[in-house]
Amino acid sequence: MADVLARAKNTAVQGLVDAGVIASNRGKVRLLKADELPPDWDPATDQRLTAWEVVHHLIRVLDSGRGGGEPAAALILGKLGAKAEPARELCYRLYTMCERKKRASDALAYNGLVQSWPEIVRLAGEGPAPAKQPKQSRLIEEDEE
């Protein structure tokens, strides 16, 4: 059934596995959870970047207690550029679907990302803090008149 659905969307199950979106084993296919995604993921080097993957990596770093949160999500968002907008739209859609289907824990994760999105965008726009330039000293003192 997964193969039929994948072909209908002009892709393949193995392509989705390679993209890091699903797990396929012994004829069973399932979407990966945010906590199953690799912590060293970099969207700049991902050859098969998907909106699903972006949303769940952002959720993973937002929920991470170790050096994550909005600043870590902003680093990811900063690397995405225009590819961030489809992820935001997907997150809204997934939140709405989870609410309708009474999947509270999933809805909570999506809602957390939706609520944090403006701050993540703001932090991504700031970029890393610029290094302070050392003050240049004068070689010749000017006489005051």
N, C-alpha and C. Protein backbone atom coordinates (compact mmCIF):
# COMPACT_ATOMS: atom_id res chain seq x y z
N MET A 1 0.82 -1.18 0.00
CA MET A 1 0.00 0.00 0.00
C MET A 1 0.88 1.27 0.00
N ALA A 2 1.99 1.25 0.76
CA ALA A 2 2.88 2.41 0.80
C ALA A 2 3.49 2.66 -0.57
N ASP A 3 3.82 1.59 -1.28
CA ASP A 3 4.39 1.74 -2.61
C ASP A 3 3.40 2.38 -3.57
N VAL A 4 2.15 1.96 -3.50
CA VAL A 4 1.10 2.53 -4.36
C VAL A 4 0.93 4.02 -4.05
N LEU A 5 0.89 4.38 -2.77
CA LEU A 5 0.74 5.79 -2.38
C LEU A 5 1.94 6.62 -2.82
N ALA A 6 3.13 6.05 -2.67
CA ALA A 6 4.34 6.77 -3.06
C ALA A 6 4.36 7.01 -4.57
N ARG A 7 4.02 5.99 -5.34
CA ARG A 7 4.00 6.15 -6.80
C ARG A 7 2.95 7.17 -7.25
N ALA A 8 1.85 7.24 -6.53
CA ALA A 8 0.81 8.21 -6.87
C ALA A 8 1.33 9.65 -6.71
N LYS A 9 2.31 9.82 -5.85
CA LYS A 9 2.91 11.14 -5.63
C LYS A 9 4.25 11.28 -6.35
N ASN A 10 4.49 10.38 -7.31
CA ASN A 10 5.69 10.42 -8.14
C ASN A 10 6.98 10.31 -7.32
N THR A 11 6.99 9.38 -6.38
CA THR A 11 8.18 9.10 -5.58
C THR A 11 8.23 7.60 -5.33
N ALA A 12 9.15 7.17 -4.50
CA ALA A 12 9.27 5.76 -4.16
C ALA A 12 9.50 5.61 -2.67
N VAL A 13 9.13 4.48 -2.13
CA VAL A 13 9.32 4.23 -0.70
C VAL A 13 10.79 4.38 -0.35
N GLN A 14 11.68 3.83 -1.17
CA GLN A 14 13.11 3.93 -0.88
C GLN A 14 13.58 5.39 -0.90
N GLY A 15 13.00 6.19 -1.77
CA GLY A 15 13.34 7.61 -1.80
C GLY A 15 12.95 8.31 -0.51
N LEU A 16 11.82 7.92 0.07
CA LEU A 16 11.39 8.50 1.34
C LEU A 16 12.27 8.01 2.49
N VAL A 17 12.72 6.77 2.41
CA VAL A 17 13.67 6.24 3.41
C VAL A 17 14.97 7.04 3.31
N ASP A 18 15.46 7.21 2.07
CA ASP A 18 16.70 7.97 1.85
C ASP A 18 16.57 9.42 2.31
N ALA A 19 15.39 9.97 2.21
CA ALA A 19 15.16 11.35 2.64
C ALA A 19 15.10 11.47 4.16
N GLY A 20 15.00 10.34 4.86
CA GLY A 20 14.95 10.37 6.31
C GLY A 20 13.57 10.67 6.86
N VAL A 21 12.54 10.33 6.10
CA VAL A 21 11.17 10.63 6.49
C VAL A 21 10.46 9.42 7.07
N ILE A 22 10.76 8.23 6.53
CA ILE A 22 10.07 7.01 6.96
C ILE A 22 11.07 5.91 7.30
N ALA A 23 10.57 4.91 7.99
CA ALA A 23 11.31 3.68 8.23
C ALA A 23 10.54 2.57 7.53
N SER A 24 11.25 1.73 6.84
CA SER A 24 10.62 0.61 6.13
C SER A 24 11.38 -0.65 6.48
N ASN A 25 10.64 -1.61 7.02
CA ASN A 25 11.26 -2.85 7.44
C ASN A 25 10.25 -4.00 7.36
N ARG A 26 10.61 -5.04 6.64
CA ARG A 26 9.78 -6.25 6.53
C ARG A 26 8.34 -5.95 6.08
N GLY A 27 8.22 -5.08 5.10
CA GLY A 27 6.89 -4.79 4.58
C GLY A 27 6.09 -3.80 5.40
N LYS A 28 6.66 -3.27 6.48
CA LYS A 28 5.97 -2.28 7.32
C LYS A 28 6.64 -0.93 7.11
N VAL A 29 5.82 0.09 6.92
CA VAL A 29 6.32 1.44 6.70
C VAL A 29 5.67 2.36 7.72
N ARG A 30 6.47 3.26 8.28
CA ARG A 30 5.94 4.24 9.23
C ARG A 30 6.75 5.52 9.16
N LEU A 31 6.09 6.62 9.48
CA LEU A 31 6.78 7.91 9.55
C LEU A 31 7.69 7.92 10.77
N LEU A 32 8.84 8.56 10.64
CA LEU A 32 9.74 8.70 11.78
C LEU A 32 9.23 9.78 12.72
N LYS A 33 9.45 9.58 14.01
CA LYS A 33 9.09 10.57 15.01
C LYS A 33 10.25 11.56 15.14
N ALA A 34 9.96 12.73 15.67
CA ALA A 34 10.98 13.77 15.81
C ALA A 34 12.19 13.28 16.61
N ASP A 35 11.94 12.51 17.67
CA ASP A 35 13.06 12.05 18.50
C ASP A 35 13.88 10.92 17.85
N GLU A 36 13.44 10.43 16.70
CA GLU A 36 14.19 9.41 15.98
C GLU A 36 15.11 10.01 14.91
N LEU A 37 15.02 11.30 14.71
CA LEU A 37 15.80 11.95 13.68
C LEU A 37 17.23 12.19 14.16
N PRO A 38 18.19 12.20 13.24
CA PRO A 38 19.59 12.37 13.65
C PRO A 38 19.87 13.76 14.20
N PRO A 39 20.56 13.84 15.34
CA PRO A 39 20.83 15.14 15.95
C PRO A 39 21.83 16.00 15.18
N ASP A 40 22.60 15.40 14.30
CA ASP A 40 23.62 16.15 13.55
C ASP A 40 23.13 16.56 12.16
N TRP A 41 21.83 16.55 11.95
CA TRP A 41 21.25 16.89 10.64
C TRP A 41 21.54 18.33 10.26
N ASP A 42 21.87 18.53 9.00
CA ASP A 42 22.13 19.89 8.48
C ASP A 42 21.35 20.06 7.18
N PRO A 43 20.39 20.98 7.15
CA PRO A 43 19.59 21.15 5.94
C PRO A 43 20.41 21.61 4.74
N ALA A 44 21.54 22.23 4.98
CA ALA A 44 22.37 22.71 3.88
C ALA A 44 23.01 21.56 3.10
N THR A 45 23.16 20.41 3.75
CA THR A 45 23.80 19.27 3.09
C THR A 45 22.81 18.16 2.75
N ASP A 46 21.55 18.33 3.12
CA ASP A 46 20.53 17.31 2.87
C ASP A 46 20.17 17.31 1.38
N GLN A 47 20.38 16.20 0.71
CA GLN A 47 20.12 16.10 -0.72
C GLN A 47 18.63 15.92 -1.04
N ARG A 48 17.83 15.47 -0.06
CA ARG A 48 16.40 15.22 -0.29
C ARG A 48 15.59 15.92 0.80
N LEU A 49 15.70 17.19 0.86
CA LEU A 49 15.05 17.98 1.90
C LEU A 49 13.53 17.99 1.70
N THR A 50 12.79 17.65 2.75
CA THR A 50 11.33 17.66 2.70
C THR A 50 10.78 18.57 3.79
N ALA A 51 9.60 19.12 3.56
CA ALA A 51 8.95 19.97 4.56
C ALA A 51 8.67 19.16 5.83
N TRP A 52 8.29 17.90 5.66
CA TRP A 52 8.02 17.04 6.82
C TRP A 52 9.25 16.93 7.70
N GLU A 53 10.38 16.69 7.07
CA GLU A 53 11.64 16.54 7.78
C GLU A 53 12.01 17.84 8.51
N VAL A 54 11.84 18.96 7.84
CA VAL A 54 12.16 20.26 8.44
C VAL A 54 11.30 20.49 9.68
N VAL A 55 10.00 20.27 9.57
CA VAL A 55 9.09 20.47 10.70
C VAL A 55 9.53 19.62 11.89
N HIS A 56 9.84 18.38 11.65
CA HIS A 56 10.15 17.48 12.76
C HIS A 56 11.54 17.70 13.34
N HIS A 57 12.47 18.18 12.53
CA HIS A 57 13.77 18.56 13.10
C HIS A 57 13.63 19.82 13.95
N LEU A 58 12.79 20.76 13.50
CA LEU A 58 12.56 21.96 14.30
C LEU A 58 11.89 21.60 15.63
N ILE A 59 10.93 20.69 15.59
CA ILE A 59 10.28 20.23 16.82
C ILE A 59 11.30 19.54 17.72
N ARG A 60 12.18 18.73 17.12
CA ARG A 60 13.20 18.02 17.89
C ARG A 60 14.10 18.99 18.64
N VAL A 61 14.59 20.03 17.95
CA VAL A 61 15.49 20.96 18.64
C VAL A 61 14.75 21.87 19.62
N LEU A 62 13.49 22.19 19.34
CA LEU A 62 12.71 22.98 20.29
C LEU A 62 12.49 22.22 21.59
N ASP A 63 12.25 20.92 21.47
CA ASP A 63 11.98 20.09 22.65
C ASP A 63 13.25 19.63 23.34
N SER A 64 14.39 19.83 22.69
CA SER A 64 15.65 19.36 23.26
C SER A 64 16.03 20.20 24.46
N GLY A 65 16.31 19.56 25.56
CA GLY A 65 16.74 20.27 26.75
C GLY A 65 18.22 20.60 26.72
N ARG A 66 18.96 20.00 25.80
CA ARG A 66 20.41 20.19 25.75
C ARG A 66 20.78 21.13 24.60
N GLY A 67 20.91 22.40 24.91
CA GLY A 67 21.38 23.36 23.93
C GLY A 67 20.44 23.58 22.76
N GLY A 68 19.18 23.24 22.94
CA GLY A 68 18.23 23.41 21.85
C GLY A 68 17.45 24.69 21.99
N GLY A 69 16.16 24.56 21.83
CA GLY A 69 15.28 25.70 21.97
C GLY A 69 15.23 26.55 20.72
N GLU A 70 14.69 27.75 20.90
CA GLU A 70 14.49 28.65 19.77
C GLU A 70 15.80 29.06 19.08
N PRO A 71 16.90 29.30 19.82
CA PRO A 71 18.15 29.64 19.12
C PRO A 71 18.63 28.52 18.19
N ALA A 72 18.51 27.28 18.62
CA ALA A 72 18.93 26.15 17.78
C ALA A 72 18.00 26.02 16.57
N ALA A 73 16.71 26.23 16.77
CA ALA A 73 15.76 26.19 15.66
C ALA A 73 16.05 27.33 14.68
N ALA A 74 16.46 28.48 15.19
CA ALA A 74 16.79 29.62 14.33
C ALA A 74 18.00 29.32 13.45
N LEU A 75 18.95 28.57 13.98
CA LEU A 75 20.12 28.18 13.17
C LEU A 75 19.68 27.33 11.99
N ILE A 76 18.76 26.41 12.24
CA ILE A 76 18.24 25.57 11.15
C ILE A 76 17.47 26.44 10.16
N LEU A 77 16.58 27.27 10.67
CA LEU A 77 15.75 28.11 9.82
C LEU A 77 16.60 29.04 8.95
N GLY A 78 17.68 29.53 9.51
CA GLY A 78 18.57 30.41 8.76
C GLY A 78 19.20 29.74 7.55
N LYS A 79 19.35 28.43 7.61
CA LYS A 79 19.93 27.68 6.50
C LYS A 79 18.90 27.32 5.43
N LEU A 80 17.63 27.46 5.75
CA LEU A 80 16.57 27.03 4.84
C LEU A 80 16.19 28.07 3.79
N GLY A 81 16.25 29.32 4.13
CA GLY A 81 15.82 30.36 3.19
C GLY A 81 14.36 30.20 2.83
N ALA A 82 14.06 30.20 1.54
CA ALA A 82 12.67 30.13 1.06
C ALA A 82 12.03 28.78 1.34
N LYS A 83 12.83 27.77 1.66
CA LYS A 83 12.28 26.44 1.93
C LYS A 83 11.62 26.36 3.31
N ALA A 84 11.71 27.43 4.08
CA ALA A 84 11.10 27.44 5.41
C ALA A 84 9.59 27.60 5.35
N GLU A 85 9.11 28.36 4.38
CA GLU A 85 7.67 28.66 4.30
C GLU A 85 6.81 27.40 4.12
N PRO A 86 7.16 26.46 3.24
CA PRO A 86 6.35 25.23 3.15
C PRO A 86 6.32 24.45 4.47
N ALA A 87 7.40 24.49 5.21
CA ALA A 87 7.44 23.80 6.50
C ALA A 87 6.47 24.46 7.49
N ARG A 88 6.44 25.79 7.50
CA ARG A 88 5.52 26.50 8.39
C ARG A 88 4.07 26.17 8.04
N GLU A 89 3.77 26.17 6.75
CA GLU A 89 2.42 25.84 6.30
C GLU A 89 2.04 24.41 6.67
N LEU A 90 2.97 23.49 6.50
CA LEU A 90 2.72 22.10 6.87
C LEU A 90 2.47 21.97 8.37
N CYS A 91 3.23 22.69 9.15
CA CYS A 91 3.07 22.64 10.60
C CYS A 91 1.67 23.10 11.01
N TYR A 92 1.18 24.18 10.42
CA TYR A 92 -0.19 24.63 10.70
C TYR A 92 -1.21 23.54 10.32
N ARG A 93 -1.00 22.96 9.17
CA ARG A 93 -1.93 21.92 8.70
C ARG A 93 -1.92 20.69 9.61
N LEU A 94 -0.73 20.26 10.01
CA LEU A 94 -0.62 19.10 10.89
C LEU A 94 -1.25 19.38 12.25
N TYR A 95 -1.06 20.59 12.75
CA TYR A 95 -1.70 20.96 14.02
C TYR A 95 -3.21 20.85 13.90
N THR A 96 -3.78 21.40 12.84
CA THR A 96 -5.22 21.36 12.63
C THR A 96 -5.73 19.93 12.54
N MET A 97 -5.02 19.09 11.81
CA MET A 97 -5.43 17.69 11.66
C MET A 97 -5.38 16.95 13.00
N CYS A 98 -4.33 17.19 13.77
CA CYS A 98 -4.21 16.53 15.08
C CYS A 98 -5.31 16.98 16.03
N GLU A 99 -5.66 18.24 15.98
CA GLU A 99 -6.74 18.75 16.81
C GLU A 99 -8.06 18.05 16.45
N ARG A 100 -8.33 17.92 15.16
CA ARG A 100 -9.57 17.28 14.72
C ARG A 100 -9.61 15.81 15.12
N LYS A 101 -8.46 15.15 15.07
CA LYS A 101 -8.41 13.72 15.37
C LYS A 101 -8.14 13.43 16.84
N LYS A 102 -8.13 14.47 17.66
CA LYS A 102 -7.93 14.33 19.11
C LYS A 102 -6.59 13.68 19.46
N ARG A 103 -5.55 14.05 18.72
CA ARG A 103 -4.19 13.57 18.99
C ARG A 103 -3.45 14.68 19.73
N ALA A 104 -3.75 14.81 21.00
CA ALA A 104 -3.29 15.95 21.80
C ALA A 104 -1.78 16.07 21.88
N SER A 105 -1.06 14.98 22.08
CA SER A 105 0.39 15.08 22.23
C SER A 105 1.06 15.55 20.93
N ASP A 106 0.56 15.06 19.79
CA ASP A 106 1.11 15.52 18.51
C ASP A 106 0.73 16.98 18.26
N ALA A 107 -0.52 17.32 18.57
CA ALA A 107 -0.98 18.70 18.38
C ALA A 107 -0.16 19.66 19.23
N LEU A 108 0.20 19.24 20.43
CA LEU A 108 0.99 20.08 21.33
C LEU A 108 2.35 20.40 20.72
N ALA A 109 3.01 19.40 20.11
CA ALA A 109 4.31 19.62 19.48
C ALA A 109 4.20 20.60 18.31
N TYR A 110 3.19 20.41 17.47
CA TYR A 110 3.02 21.31 16.32
C TYR A 110 2.65 22.71 16.78
N ASN A 111 1.80 22.80 17.79
CA ASN A 111 1.40 24.10 18.32
C ASN A 111 2.61 24.83 18.91
N GLY A 112 3.48 24.09 19.58
CA GLY A 112 4.70 24.70 20.13
C GLY A 112 5.55 25.34 19.05
N LEU A 113 5.67 24.66 17.92
CA LEU A 113 6.44 25.21 16.81
C LEU A 113 5.73 26.42 16.20
N VAL A 114 4.42 26.31 16.03
CA VAL A 114 3.64 27.42 15.47
C VAL A 114 3.77 28.66 16.37
N GLN A 115 3.65 28.47 17.68
CA GLN A 115 3.74 29.58 18.62
C GLN A 115 5.14 30.19 18.64
N SER A 116 6.18 29.37 18.46
CA SER A 116 7.56 29.85 18.50
C SER A 116 8.04 30.42 17.18
N TRP A 117 7.29 30.18 16.11
CA TRP A 117 7.75 30.56 14.77
C TRP A 117 8.18 32.03 14.65
N PRO A 118 7.39 32.99 15.13
CA PRO A 118 7.83 34.40 14.98
C PRO A 118 9.17 34.68 15.67
N GLU A 119 9.38 34.11 16.84
CA GLU A 119 10.64 34.33 17.55
C GLU A 119 11.79 33.62 16.84
N ILE A 120 11.53 32.43 16.31
CA ILE A 120 12.57 31.70 15.57
C ILE A 120 12.97 32.49 14.33
N VAL A 121 11.99 33.05 13.63
CA VAL A 121 12.27 33.87 12.44
C VAL A 121 13.08 35.10 12.83
N ARG A 122 12.70 35.73 13.94
CA ARG A 122 13.44 36.92 14.40
C ARG A 122 14.88 36.56 14.72
N LEU A 123 15.09 35.48 15.44
CA LEU A 123 16.45 35.06 15.79
C LEU A 123 17.25 34.66 14.55
N ALA A 124 16.59 34.01 13.60
CA ALA A 124 17.27 33.61 12.36
C ALA A 124 17.70 34.84 11.57
N GLY A 125 16.88 35.89 11.62
CA GLY A 125 17.21 37.12 10.90
C GLY A 125 18.37 37.87 11.51
N GLU A 126 18.54 37.72 12.81
CA GLU A 126 19.65 38.39 13.49
C GLU A 126 20.98 37.73 13.16
N GLY A 127 20.96 36.43 12.96
CA GLY A 127 22.20 35.71 12.69
C GLY A 127 23.05 35.66 13.94
N PRO A 128 24.26 35.14 13.82
CA PRO A 128 25.13 35.07 14.99
C PRO A 128 25.55 36.47 15.43
N ALA A 129 25.80 36.61 16.70
CA ALA A 129 26.21 37.90 17.24
C ALA A 129 27.55 38.29 16.63
N PRO A 130 27.66 39.53 16.13
CA PRO A 130 28.92 39.94 15.53
C PRO A 130 30.01 40.05 16.58
N ALA A 131 31.22 39.70 16.18
CA ALA A 131 32.35 39.82 17.09
C ALA A 131 32.66 41.29 17.29
N LYS A 132 33.03 41.65 18.50
CA LYS A 132 33.35 43.05 18.78
C LYS A 132 34.68 43.40 18.13
N GLN A 133 34.69 44.54 17.48
CA GLN A 133 35.91 45.02 16.85
C GLN A 133 36.74 45.72 17.92
N PRO A 134 38.05 45.44 17.95
CA PRO A 134 38.88 46.15 18.92
C PRO A 134 38.97 47.62 18.54
N LYS A 135 39.02 48.46 19.53
CA LYS A 135 39.10 49.90 19.30
C LYS A 135 40.50 50.24 18.79
N GLN A 136 40.55 51.03 17.75
CA GLN A 136 41.83 51.40 17.19
C GLN A 136 42.43 52.53 18.02
N SER A 137 43.67 52.35 18.41
CA SER A 137 44.33 53.42 19.16
C SER A 137 44.97 54.39 18.18
N ARG A 138 45.17 55.58 18.62
CA ARG A 138 45.76 56.61 17.76
C ARG A 138 47.27 56.59 17.93
N LEU A 139 47.93 56.74 16.82
CA LEU A 139 49.39 56.80 16.86
C LEU A 139 49.87 58.19 17.25
N ILE A 140 49.14 59.20 16.78
CA ILE A 140 49.51 60.58 17.06
C ILE A 140 48.36 61.24 17.78
N GLU A 141 48.65 61.80 18.92
CA GLU A 141 47.61 62.50 19.67
C GLU A 141 47.36 63.85 19.01
N GLU A 142 46.09 64.16 18.86
CA GLU A 142 45.76 65.46 18.28
C GLU A 142 45.70 66.50 19.38
N ASP A 143 46.22 67.68 19.07
CA ASP A 143 46.17 68.78 20.04
C ASP A 143 44.79 69.40 20.01
N GLU A 144 44.30 69.64 21.19
CA GLU A 144 43.01 70.31 21.26
C GLU A 144 43.22 71.80 21.24
N GLU A 145 42.43 72.54 20.51
CA GLU A 145 42.59 73.98 20.41
C GLU A 145 41.58 74.69 21.22
